[in-house]
Amino acid sequence: MDTDDIWKELMGENFHSMNKIMEKLLSNIEMGNFRTIGYTGYRDSDDKRHVKEFGNPNSSAATSEPFSDVTCEGNIVRAVFEIPGISKEDINLEGTKDTLTISADSSKKRFEKTVSLPCDVDPDSAVAEYNNGILEVTLNSTEDRTSKKKIEIS
């Protein structure tokens, strides 16, 4: 019995529809016409749950948006960017009190992204480390996020 016949027997006529969809997806991957998008979940220092979208839904062939994650642990903000195939010398990183912008350009790849930070930070406190395609940036928050103040309700 042929493999197609086995699947046809198991799935009926739906096999042909599914097979066409898979062939289209695989041909798009082979041609580089695909995008990656996903979601990441985390809890902040106040144990509040957050879900963020990541990936590159609007990329062109020339520039990609790196996967990134930004977390806040106490008074430390940590941003992580995945930029494989890039040399440290090809990375440009700029920060403001509430954003980080990364651009990286090599002969084969180009990445660019600006992320919003969960609180104001001191850009002068930034420490960036790059290892094996992962850029990790830590910054000190200028807000006291560990102390809480009771708010009276009227």
Protein backbone atom coordinates (compact mmCIF):
# COMPACT_ATOMS: atom_id res chain seq x y z
CA MET A 1 0.00 0.00 0.00
CA ASP A 2 1.31 3.48 -0.94
CA THR A 3 1.93 6.06 1.85
CA ASP A 4 -0.63 8.42 0.25
CA ASP A 5 -3.17 5.61 0.33
CA ILE A 6 -2.57 5.02 4.06
CA TRP A 7 -3.15 8.70 4.86
CA LYS A 8 -6.15 8.82 2.56
CA GLU A 9 -7.61 5.80 4.34
CA LEU A 10 -7.01 7.41 7.76
CA MET A 11 -8.15 10.94 6.91
CA GLY A 12 -10.42 10.51 3.92
CA GLU A 13 -10.53 13.37 1.43
CA ASN A 14 -9.22 15.83 4.04
CA PHE A 15 -5.77 14.43 3.35
CA HIS A 16 -5.56 16.18 -0.01
CA SER A 17 -6.50 19.57 1.49
CA MET A 18 -4.00 19.16 4.29
CA ASN A 19 -1.33 17.97 1.88
CA LYS A 20 -1.79 21.06 -0.33
CA ILE A 21 -1.53 23.37 2.68
CA MET A 22 1.67 21.64 3.86
CA GLU A 23 3.22 21.80 0.39
CA LYS A 24 2.48 25.54 0.21
CA LEU A 25 3.97 26.14 3.69
CA LEU A 26 7.11 24.16 2.88
CA SER A 27 7.61 25.93 -0.44
CA ASN A 28 7.30 29.30 1.32
CA ILE A 29 9.93 28.25 3.85
CA GLU A 30 12.27 27.12 1.09
CA MET A 31 11.81 30.49 -0.66
CA GLY A 32 12.32 32.44 2.58
CA ASN A 33 8.76 33.82 2.51
CA PHE A 34 7.78 33.07 6.08
CA ARG A 35 7.47 34.89 9.34
CA THR A 36 7.81 33.90 12.95
CA ILE A 37 5.59 35.20 15.68
CA GLY A 38 4.83 34.00 19.14
CA TYR A 39 3.98 35.00 22.65
CA THR A 40 5.93 35.06 25.87
CA GLY A 41 4.46 35.21 29.34
CA TYR A 42 6.06 36.49 32.51
CA ARG A 43 5.33 37.89 35.95
CA ASP A 44 6.70 41.23 37.09
CA SER A 45 8.04 42.11 40.54
CA ASP A 46 4.47 42.69 41.78
CA ASP A 47 3.52 39.17 40.63
CA LYS A 48 1.36 40.66 37.87
CA ARG A 49 1.04 38.47 34.76
CA HIS A 50 1.96 39.84 31.33
CA VAL A 51 1.79 38.37 27.84
CA LYS A 52 3.84 39.96 25.05
CA GLU A 53 3.95 39.28 21.34
CA PHE A 54 7.34 38.69 19.77
CA GLY A 55 8.71 37.89 16.37
CA ASN A 56 8.85 39.55 13.04
CA PRO A 57 5.39 39.87 11.49
CA ASN A 58 6.24 42.87 9.30
CA SER A 59 9.78 42.11 8.23
CA SER A 60 11.23 42.64 4.81
CA ALA A 61 13.87 40.40 3.34
CA ALA A 62 16.53 43.02 4.11
CA THR A 63 15.86 43.67 7.82
CA SER A 64 14.69 41.33 10.56
CA GLU A 65 13.34 42.10 13.97
CA PRO A 66 15.26 40.12 16.60
CA PHE A 67 13.44 38.05 19.17
CA SER A 68 13.56 39.95 22.44
CA ASP A 69 12.39 39.81 26.02
CA VAL A 70 12.34 42.56 28.63
CA THR A 71 11.89 41.79 32.32
CA CYS A 72 12.02 43.77 35.52
CA GLU A 73 13.35 42.15 38.69
CA GLY A 74 13.26 44.57 41.60
CA ASN A 75 15.13 47.68 40.46
CA ILE A 76 16.94 45.91 37.60
CA VAL A 77 15.59 45.92 34.05
CA ARG A 78 16.97 43.20 31.76
CA ALA A 79 16.56 43.15 27.98
CA VAL A 80 17.65 40.15 25.91
CA PHE A 81 17.95 40.15 22.11
CA GLU A 82 18.67 37.19 19.83
CA ILE A 83 20.90 38.34 16.95
CA PRO A 84 22.68 35.26 15.60
CA GLY A 85 25.44 35.58 13.03
CA ILE A 86 26.40 39.12 14.05
CA SER A 87 29.81 40.25 15.34
CA LYS A 88 29.93 42.41 18.46
CA GLU A 89 31.52 45.20 16.40
CA ASP A 90 28.45 45.29 14.11
CA ILE A 91 25.99 46.05 16.94
CA ASN A 92 24.73 49.55 17.70
CA LEU A 93 22.82 49.92 20.96
CA GLU A 94 21.17 53.15 22.11
CA GLY A 95 19.08 53.82 25.19
CA THR A 96 16.80 56.48 26.58
CA LYS A 97 15.03 56.60 29.92
CA ASP A 98 12.23 54.37 28.58
CA THR A 99 13.46 52.61 25.38
CA LEU A 100 16.30 50.52 24.00
CA THR A 101 17.09 50.48 20.28
CA ILE A 102 19.29 47.86 18.70
CA SER A 103 20.55 47.79 15.14
CA ALA A 104 23.00 45.24 13.86
CA ASP A 105 24.33 44.99 10.34
CA SER A 106 26.61 42.42 8.76
CA SER A 107 27.20 41.49 5.15
CA LYS A 108 24.52 38.77 5.38
CA LYS A 109 22.06 39.88 8.08
CA ARG A 110 20.45 43.05 9.38
CA PHE A 111 18.47 43.37 12.60
CA GLU A 112 16.63 46.38 13.98
CA LYS A 113 14.23 46.86 16.89
CA THR A 114 13.15 49.37 19.53
CA VAL A 115 11.66 48.03 22.76
CA SER A 116 9.76 49.95 25.41
CA LEU A 117 11.02 49.46 28.94
CA PRO A 118 8.57 48.69 31.78
CA CYS A 119 9.80 51.68 33.83
CA ASP A 120 12.19 54.61 33.57
CA VAL A 121 15.86 53.64 33.73
CA ASP A 122 19.24 55.33 33.98
CA PRO A 123 20.84 54.83 30.52
CA ASP A 124 24.28 55.52 32.06
CA SER A 125 23.88 52.40 34.22
CA ALA A 126 23.59 50.11 31.17
CA VAL A 127 25.82 47.05 31.04
CA ALA A 128 25.69 45.05 27.79
CA GLU A 129 27.16 41.58 27.20
CA TYR A 130 27.17 39.72 23.89
CA ASN A 131 27.83 36.00 23.70
CA ASN A 132 26.89 33.36 21.09
CA GLY A 133 24.29 35.52 19.33
CA ILE A 134 22.60 36.70 22.55
CA LEU A 135 22.82 40.34 23.64
CA GLU A 136 21.86 40.94 27.27
CA VAL A 137 21.48 44.49 28.58
CA THR A 138 20.89 45.32 32.26
CA LEU A 139 19.92 48.78 33.50
CA ASN A 140 19.05 50.29 36.86
CA SER A 141 15.51 51.53 37.31
CA THR A 142 15.16 55.14 38.43
CA GLU A 143 11.84 54.26 40.04
CA ASP A 144 11.61 52.55 43.40
CA ARG A 145 9.56 49.54 42.36
CA THR A 146 10.14 47.54 45.55
CA SER A 147 8.49 49.82 48.09
CA LYS A 148 4.73 50.02 48.22
CA LYS A 149 2.54 52.81 49.46
CA LYS A 150 -0.95 52.31 50.77
CA ILE A 151 -3.48 54.34 48.82
CA GLU A 152 -6.59 55.43 50.62
CA ILE A 153 -9.88 54.90 48.83
CA SER A 154 -12.48 57.62 49.25
